[in-house]
Protein backbone atom coordinates (compact mmCIF):
# COMPACT_ATOMS: atom_id res chain seq x y z
CA MET A 1 31.04 -9.78 17.23
CA ALA A 2 28.99 -8.00 19.68
CA ILE A 3 26.48 -5.42 17.59
CA HIS A 4 27.05 -2.55 19.11
CA GLU A 5 24.01 -0.80 21.20
CA HIS A 6 25.09 2.96 21.66
CA GLU A 7 26.44 5.12 18.31
CA VAL A 8 27.67 8.44 18.79
CA ASP A 9 24.88 11.16 19.57
CA ARG A 10 25.99 14.20 18.40
CA ARG A 11 22.81 15.84 19.27
CA THR A 12 23.56 15.23 23.15
CA LEU A 13 26.52 16.94 22.40
CA PHE A 14 25.24 19.93 21.50
CA ARG A 15 22.43 20.07 23.84
CA VAL A 16 23.83 19.07 27.29
CA GLY A 17 26.34 21.50 28.60
CA LEU A 18 29.27 20.86 30.97
CA GLY A 19 29.27 21.16 34.53
CA GLY A 20 25.43 20.60 35.11
CA ALA A 21 24.91 20.83 39.01
CA VAL A 22 21.87 18.16 38.18
CA ALA A 23 23.14 15.08 35.89
CA ALA A 24 27.11 14.67 34.67
CA VAL A 25 27.97 13.46 31.64
CA VAL A 26 28.90 10.39 31.35
CA GLY A 27 30.11 9.53 27.64
CA THR A 28 27.40 11.16 25.18
CA GLU A 29 25.04 10.88 28.08
CA LEU A 30 23.25 11.53 31.49
CA ALA A 31 23.64 9.37 34.67
CA LEU A 32 21.24 10.89 36.83
CA PRO A 33 22.57 10.27 40.63
CA GLY A 34 20.96 8.59 42.93
CA ALA A 35 18.77 6.37 40.89
CA ALA A 36 15.48 4.80 42.68
CA VAL A 37 15.07 1.21 42.25
CA ALA A 38 12.77 0.31 40.51
CA ALA A 39 9.30 -0.86 41.43
CA PRO A 40 5.63 -1.36 40.20
CA SER A 41 4.41 2.33 38.98
CA PRO A 42 0.99 3.16 40.43
CA GLN A 43 0.25 5.41 37.54
CA PHE A 44 0.66 2.87 35.04
CA PRO A 45 0.12 -0.67 37.58
CA TRP A 46 -0.67 -2.95 34.32
CA ILE A 47 2.99 -2.15 33.11
CA ILE A 48 4.99 -4.89 34.48
CA ASP A 49 7.89 -3.94 35.74
CA CYS A 50 11.77 -5.61 35.38
CA ASP A 51 11.19 -6.45 39.03
CA THR A 52 7.79 -8.29 38.62
CA TRP A 53 9.13 -10.32 35.47
CA GLY A 54 12.05 -11.25 37.30
CA ALA A 55 14.62 -9.34 34.77
CA ARG A 56 18.29 -9.79 35.35
CA PRO A 57 20.78 -7.18 36.31
CA PRO A 58 21.90 -4.65 33.45
CA SER A 59 25.76 -5.51 32.69
CA SER A 60 26.62 -2.21 32.88
CA PRO A 61 24.55 1.24 34.47
CA VAL A 62 21.78 2.35 32.43
CA GLN A 63 22.70 5.66 30.91
CA ILE A 64 19.74 8.49 30.70
CA THR A 65 19.94 10.57 27.53
CA GLY A 66 20.26 14.39 26.92
CA ASN A 67 17.89 14.23 24.10
CA THR A 68 14.39 15.31 23.75
CA THR A 69 12.27 12.83 23.20
CA ASN A 70 10.39 13.01 19.78
CA LYS A 71 9.20 9.92 18.36
CA ILE A 72 7.89 6.33 19.09
CA ILE A 73 9.44 4.15 16.89
CA LEU A 74 7.31 0.13 16.61
CA HIS A 75 8.99 -3.20 16.22
CA HIS A 76 7.67 -6.79 15.77
CA MET A 77 10.02 -8.92 17.56
CA ALA A 78 10.19 -11.83 14.77
CA PHE A 79 9.31 -14.32 17.33
CA PRO A 80 6.96 -16.87 16.60
CA ASN A 81 3.25 -15.90 16.57
CA VAL A 82 2.08 -18.38 19.39
CA THR A 83 -1.38 -19.01 20.80
CA ASP A 84 -0.87 -18.76 24.64
CA TYR A 85 -1.89 -15.29 25.41
CA SER A 86 -1.14 -15.57 29.52
CA ARG A 87 0.41 -13.89 31.56
CA ALA A 88 2.94 -16.38 32.68
CA HIS A 89 3.82 -16.58 28.90
CA ALA A 90 4.75 -13.10 28.66
CA VAL A 91 6.79 -13.18 31.67
CA GLN A 92 8.83 -15.55 29.70
CA LEU A 93 9.02 -13.76 26.51
CA ALA A 94 10.40 -10.79 28.47
CA LYS A 95 12.89 -13.10 30.06
CA ASP A 96 13.87 -14.70 26.18
CA CYS A 97 14.24 -11.45 25.07
CA GLN A 98 16.56 -9.85 27.77
CA ASP A 99 18.87 -13.15 27.10
CA LEU A 100 19.10 -12.55 23.36
CA HIS A 101 19.86 -8.96 23.67
CA MET A 102 22.33 -9.70 26.30
CA ASP A 103 24.10 -12.85 25.57
CA THR A 104 23.88 -12.91 21.86
CA ASN A 105 24.13 -9.66 21.01
CA GLY A 106 26.22 -8.30 23.56
CA TRP A 107 24.28 -5.76 24.69
CA ALA A 108 23.98 -4.34 28.54
CA ASP A 109 20.22 -5.24 28.70
CA THR A 110 16.86 -5.63 26.83
CA GLY A 111 17.56 -3.21 24.14
CA GLN A 112 13.91 -1.58 23.74
CA HIS A 113 11.39 0.39 26.68
CA PHE A 114 8.70 -1.84 26.15
CA THR A 115 7.41 -5.09 24.98
CA VAL A 116 4.12 -5.86 24.25
CA SER A 117 3.23 -9.57 23.99
CA ARG A 118 0.27 -11.52 21.89
CA GLY A 119 -1.87 -11.40 24.70
CA GLY A 120 -1.71 -8.27 25.36
CA TYR A 121 0.52 -8.11 28.60
CA VAL A 122 2.96 -5.01 28.47
CA MET A 123 6.45 -5.24 30.24
CA GLU A 124 9.10 -2.77 31.06
CA GLY A 125 12.10 -3.32 28.83
CA ARG A 126 15.31 -1.96 29.38
CA HIS A 127 15.66 -0.93 33.03
CA ARG A 128 14.23 2.49 34.54
CA SER A 129 11.94 3.10 31.21
CA LEU A 130 8.75 2.74 33.50
CA GLU A 131 10.83 5.35 35.80
CA THR A 132 11.53 7.69 32.89
CA LEU A 133 8.19 6.96 31.74
CA VAL A 134 6.83 8.64 34.84
CA THR A 135 8.66 11.40 35.11
CA GLY A 136 8.27 12.41 31.18
CA GLU A 137 11.83 13.43 30.47
CA HIS A 138 15.45 11.85 29.65
CA GLN A 139 14.26 8.73 28.73
CA VAL A 140 16.68 5.80 28.84
CA THR A 141 18.86 5.40 26.23
CA ALA A 142 18.14 1.89 24.52
CA ALA A 143 19.01 -0.23 21.71
CA HIS A 144 16.72 -0.86 19.68
CA CYS A 145 17.47 1.64 16.05
CA PRO A 146 20.91 2.89 16.17
CA GLY A 147 20.77 6.79 15.47
CA GLU A 148 17.34 6.78 17.50
CA ASN A 149 18.32 5.09 20.89
CA GLY A 150 18.67 8.30 22.44
CA ASN A 151 15.39 10.02 21.14
CA ALA A 152 12.93 7.71 20.46
CA ILE A 153 11.14 5.17 22.59
CA GLY A 154 11.15 1.79 21.26
CA ILE A 155 8.06 -0.83 22.17
CA GLU A 156 8.66 -4.39 20.37
CA ASN A 157 5.51 -6.48 19.59
CA GLU A 158 5.78 -10.31 19.95
CA GLY A 159 5.37 -11.70 17.06
CA THR A 160 6.13 -11.60 13.17
CA TYR A 161 3.80 -9.38 11.44
CA ILE A 162 5.08 -9.67 7.16
CA THR A 163 1.82 -11.14 5.92
CA GLU A 164 -0.25 -11.57 9.44
CA THR A 165 -1.62 -9.04 11.70
CA PRO A 166 -1.25 -8.53 15.30
CA PRO A 167 -4.39 -9.95 17.57
CA ARG A 168 -6.86 -7.33 18.87
CA ALA A 169 -5.16 -7.70 22.18
CA LEU A 170 -1.88 -6.76 21.32
CA LEU A 171 -3.22 -3.52 19.29
CA ASN A 172 -5.20 -2.80 21.95
CA SER A 173 -2.70 -2.77 24.60
CA LEU A 174 -0.19 -1.10 22.08
CA VAL A 175 -2.66 2.13 21.64
CA GLU A 176 -2.74 2.19 25.08
CA LEU A 177 0.72 2.13 25.79
CA CYS A 178 1.43 4.45 22.90
CA VAL A 179 -1.34 6.97 24.50
CA ALA A 180 0.49 6.89 27.83
CA VAL A 181 4.20 7.57 26.07
CA CYS A 182 2.85 10.57 24.36
CA ARG A 183 1.08 12.17 27.11
CA GLN A 184 3.95 11.63 29.59
CA PHE A 185 6.66 13.12 26.85
CA ASP A 186 4.23 15.54 25.20
CA LEU A 187 4.35 13.72 21.66
CA HIS A 188 1.76 13.09 19.29
CA ALA A 189 -0.01 10.41 17.54
CA TRP A 190 1.50 11.82 14.16
CA ASP A 191 4.88 10.94 15.93
CA ILE A 192 4.50 6.92 15.90
CA PHE A 193 6.74 5.51 13.07
CA GLY A 194 8.07 1.84 12.12
CA HIS A 195 11.59 0.67 12.90
CA TRP A 196 12.56 0.40 8.72
CA ASP A 197 11.78 3.95 8.61
CA PHE A 198 14.61 4.31 10.53
CA ARG A 199 17.06 1.32 10.12
CA LEU A 200 18.58 0.15 6.95
CA GLY A 201 18.58 -3.88 5.52
CA THR A 202 15.97 -4.88 8.19
CA GLU A 203 11.68 -6.36 7.90
CA CYS A 204 10.50 -4.77 10.76
CA PRO A 205 7.84 -3.93 11.56
CA GLY A 206 6.36 -5.95 8.51
CA ALA A 207 4.12 -4.75 6.07
CA ALA A 208 0.71 -6.43 7.33
CA PHE A 209 1.65 -4.41 10.92
CA TYR A 210 2.91 -1.38 9.14
CA ALA A 211 -0.38 -0.97 6.97
CA GLN A 212 -2.16 -0.91 10.70
CA PHE A 213 -0.43 2.12 11.32
CA PRO A 214 -2.80 4.72 9.82
CA THR A 215 -5.34 2.94 12.38
CA ILE A 216 -2.87 3.08 15.48
CA ARG A 217 -2.26 6.76 14.75
CA SER A 218 -6.04 7.78 14.43
CA ARG A 219 -7.05 5.34 17.94
CA VAL A 220 -4.59 6.83 19.65
CA LEU A 221 -5.45 10.73 18.63
CA SER A 222 -9.30 9.72 19.40
CA GLU A 223 -7.79 8.18 22.89
CA MET A 224 -5.90 11.61 23.43
CA ARG A 225 -9.20 13.73 22.18
CA THR A 226 -6.61 15.78 20.14
CA PRO A 227 -8.58 18.38 18.18
CA ARG A 228 -8.39 17.85 14.45
CA ARG A 229 -6.94 21.28 13.88
CA ASP A 230 -3.87 20.69 15.66
CA ILE A 231 -3.15 18.05 12.97
CA PRO A 232 -0.28 18.74 10.90
CA ALA A 233 -0.59 18.60 6.95
CA ARG A 234 2.03 16.42 7.37
CA ARG A 235 4.62 14.77 9.45
CA TRP A 236 7.95 13.62 7.75
CA PRO A 237 10.47 11.20 9.32
CA ASP A 238 13.09 13.46 10.79
CA ILE A 239 16.52 11.61 9.15
CA TRP A 240 19.74 12.70 10.07
CA ARG A 241 23.36 11.98 10.17
CA PHE A 242 23.14 8.65 12.11
CA VAL A 243 20.40 7.06 10.42
CA ASP A 244 20.92 4.71 7.89
CA SER A 245 17.53 3.49 6.38
CA GLN A 246 15.50 3.06 2.84
CA VAL A 247 14.08 6.21 3.97
CA VAL A 248 17.90 7.55 3.35
CA GLY A 249 18.01 6.04 0.33
CA VAL A 250 14.84 7.74 -1.40
CA ALA A 251 15.84 11.06 -0.21
CA GLN A 252 19.38 10.59 -2.03
CA TYR A 253 17.49 9.22 -5.23
CA LEU A 254 15.91 13.18 -4.85
CA LEU A 255 19.39 14.65 -4.02
CA ASN A 256 20.52 12.69 -7.44
CA ASN A 257 17.56 14.30 -8.80
CA ALA A 258 18.51 17.70 -7.89
CA GLY A 259 21.89 17.83 -9.36
CA TYR A 260 24.17 16.26 -6.40
CA THR A 261 24.82 13.16 -8.53
CA ALA A 262 27.80 12.30 -6.42
CA LEU A 263 25.67 10.42 -3.87
CA THR A 264 25.22 6.97 -3.76
CA PRO A 265 21.45 6.11 -3.12
CA ASP A 266 22.23 3.51 -0.42
CA GLY A 267 20.24 4.00 2.27
CA VAL A 268 24.07 5.15 4.30
CA PHE A 269 23.80 8.60 5.48
CA GLY A 270 27.41 9.06 5.45
CA THR A 271 29.61 12.05 5.93
CA ASP A 272 29.51 12.74 2.17
CA MET A 273 25.97 13.02 2.64
CA ASN A 274 26.47 15.94 5.22
CA ALA A 275 28.04 18.11 2.82
CA VAL A 276 25.13 17.66 0.72
CA VAL A 277 22.62 18.27 2.92
CA ALA A 278 24.10 21.18 3.91
CA ASP A 279 24.67 22.72 0.72
CA PHE A 280 20.99 22.05 -0.46
CA GLN A 281 19.57 23.66 2.48
CA THR A 282 21.86 26.64 2.04
CA THR A 283 20.52 26.68 -1.23
CA HIS A 284 17.12 26.73 -0.66
CA GLY A 285 17.08 28.72 2.45
CA ILE A 286 16.70 26.24 5.11
CA PRO A 287 18.43 25.91 8.17
CA VAL A 288 21.32 24.14 8.36
CA THR A 289 21.72 21.61 11.59
CA PRO A 290 24.93 20.15 12.87
CA ASP A 291 23.94 16.99 12.45
CA ALA A 292 22.57 17.56 9.17
CA THR A 293 18.84 16.55 10.03
CA PHE A 294 16.47 16.28 7.13
CA ASP A 295 13.34 18.15 7.97
CA THR A 296 10.47 18.90 6.43
CA ALA A 297 11.62 21.94 5.01
CA THR A 298 14.05 19.97 3.44
CA TRP A 299 11.56 17.52 1.93
CA GLU A 300 8.82 19.86 0.73
CA ALA A 301 11.70 21.69 -1.21
CA LEU A 302 13.31 18.32 -2.56
CA ALA A 303 9.93 16.31 -3.66
CA PRO A 304 8.61 16.70 -7.49
CA VAL A 305 5.15 15.74 -8.36
CA LEU A 306 4.97 12.68 -10.42
CA ASP A 307 2.44 11.48 -12.74
CA LYS A 308 2.01 8.47 -15.21
CA HIS A 309 4.47 10.56 -17.14
CA ALA A 310 7.33 10.60 -14.88
CA THR A 311 10.54 8.30 -15.50
CA GLY A 312 13.80 8.57 -13.98
CA LEU A 313 15.51 8.69 -10.25
CA PRO A 314 12.71 10.08 -8.53
CA VAL A 315 10.50 7.61 -9.62
CA SER A 316 13.29 4.67 -8.54
CA GLY A 317 13.74 6.30 -5.27
CA LEU A 318 9.68 5.96 -5.15
CA GLN A 319 9.82 2.55 -6.10
CA SER A 320 12.51 1.85 -3.63
CA ILE A 321 10.81 2.39 -0.72
CA LEU A 322 6.62 0.81 -1.88
CA ALA A 323 8.62 -2.32 -3.07
CA LEU A 324 10.32 -2.45 1.02
CA LYS A 325 6.50 -1.95 2.27
CA GLY A 326 5.20 -4.90 0.94
CA PHE A 327 2.99 -3.09 -2.41
CA ALA A 328 3.03 -5.96 -4.77
CA GLY A 329 4.45 -5.88 -8.11
CA VAL A 330 6.52 -2.79 -7.67
CA THR A 331 10.31 -2.75 -9.33
CA VAL A 332 12.92 -0.42 -9.62
CA ASN A 333 12.92 0.78 -13.05
CA GLY A 334 12.62 4.30 -12.81
CA ALA A 335 9.08 4.09 -15.31
CA PHE A 336 6.00 5.28 -13.80
CA ASP A 337 4.56 2.21 -14.84
CA HIS A 338 0.84 0.13 -14.11
CA ALA A 339 2.21 -1.58 -11.48
CA THR A 340 3.83 1.82 -9.51
CA GLN A 341 0.80 3.66 -10.05
CA LYS A 342 -1.59 1.10 -8.87
CA ALA A 343 0.53 0.88 -5.73
CA VAL A 344 0.43 4.38 -5.29
CA GLN A 345 -3.18 4.42 -5.44
CA ASP A 346 -3.40 1.54 -3.00
CA LEU A 347 -0.92 3.82 -0.73
CA GLN A 348 -3.14 6.86 -1.05
CA ARG A 349 -6.39 4.86 -0.11
CA LEU A 350 -4.43 2.85 2.95
CA HIS A 351 -4.13 7.13 4.13
CA GLY A 352 -6.91 8.60 3.31
CA LEU A 353 -5.71 10.35 0.26
CA HIS A 354 -7.58 10.74 -3.15
CA PRO A 355 -6.81 7.91 -4.95
CA ASN A 356 -5.46 9.57 -8.19
CA GLY A 357 -2.14 8.12 -8.69
CA LYS A 358 -0.35 11.27 -8.99
CA VAL A 359 2.75 11.59 -6.03
CA ASP A 360 2.04 15.11 -4.05
CA LEU A 361 3.66 16.23 -1.16
CA SER A 362 1.39 14.37 0.93
CA THR A 363 1.72 11.03 -0.77
CA TRP A 364 5.51 11.23 -0.73
CA CYS A 365 5.08 11.98 2.89
CA ALA A 366 3.23 9.03 3.25
CA ALA A 367 5.35 6.74 1.24
CA VAL A 368 8.22 7.45 3.23
CA GLY A 369 6.54 6.31 6.27
CA GLY A 370 5.03 9.84 7.63
CA SER A 371 1.82 10.85 8.70
CA VAL A 372 -0.74 13.00 6.76
CA ARG A 373 -3.62 14.75 8.21
CA GLU A 374 -6.14 12.96 5.43
CA ALA A 375 -5.21 9.65 7.52
CA PHE A 376 -7.03 10.91 10.65
CA CYS A 377 -10.58 9.74 10.19
């Protein structure tokens, strides 16, 4: 069975009006008329475009989203950690990835916007991704992360990084690419997330790679010369109706703890969760959105402070995300045991927080994939 690359995107439905003079609505996305033929970009000559690496034409027209790009999602490809760092290998990698996505997954084109090889070569993934990077608006609708395909720029990184880390050349090029995306789409270093923050049942981007995210974000911040005063105290993952992930599962544990016991903590943001989130937000004076966005105010009204005496549902939610993200010895048992406390302290050190083992809002934010000011050294 083919994997569906496009999901219903209610944000587009609410943001795009009918009868626009510039763009016509196609399904839930925008089709920009008279699209230019892809060509190497003088602005980003280090990105190898689709024509140059010999991409197949898409099997159906590439769609352009009407959404506002609000994040970058990093992936590992779960391909071998090869030692061929040549341009020729990178080009073949792009071809192999496109063949996999079109012929096996049944997608119209490569799923991600950009690909970084282990040798540090950056390639355009889905057609028109480079074109829309140059304009900095109305990104290509991709297929790298259901629920976020119209909101997030997806970057695949060659290799498998559960226990190994990417080579320096890959990391250097990834930082350069993230800086370009941030500048063009008016994003920030704290808008960089991992695939598993928004996708259920995946080991991507890999625990070893994920542990490098604070450093990657810090390097992007430095390259962009962002003043420290502009860094928010916390940047939480903004889960919503069409995102399923372990982060959603943590939110469900916390909602259970708040009295919404009929909600199953399975990581699926279904229609049952819509009503629960709306009720919680209304009760706490938080604006309710049509797509049930679980925003910063919602997280911070819901997440309790935990210490070594804590037990129950919030601890289980915390343990579920710590275990997923590679913290050794953590099991989901609802008891703030020694392994949990050690994992919390390791997490705090990783993100520049005081390693006191106490789970405050910043520790919660770091645990569920967000960024905290202290991490930007």
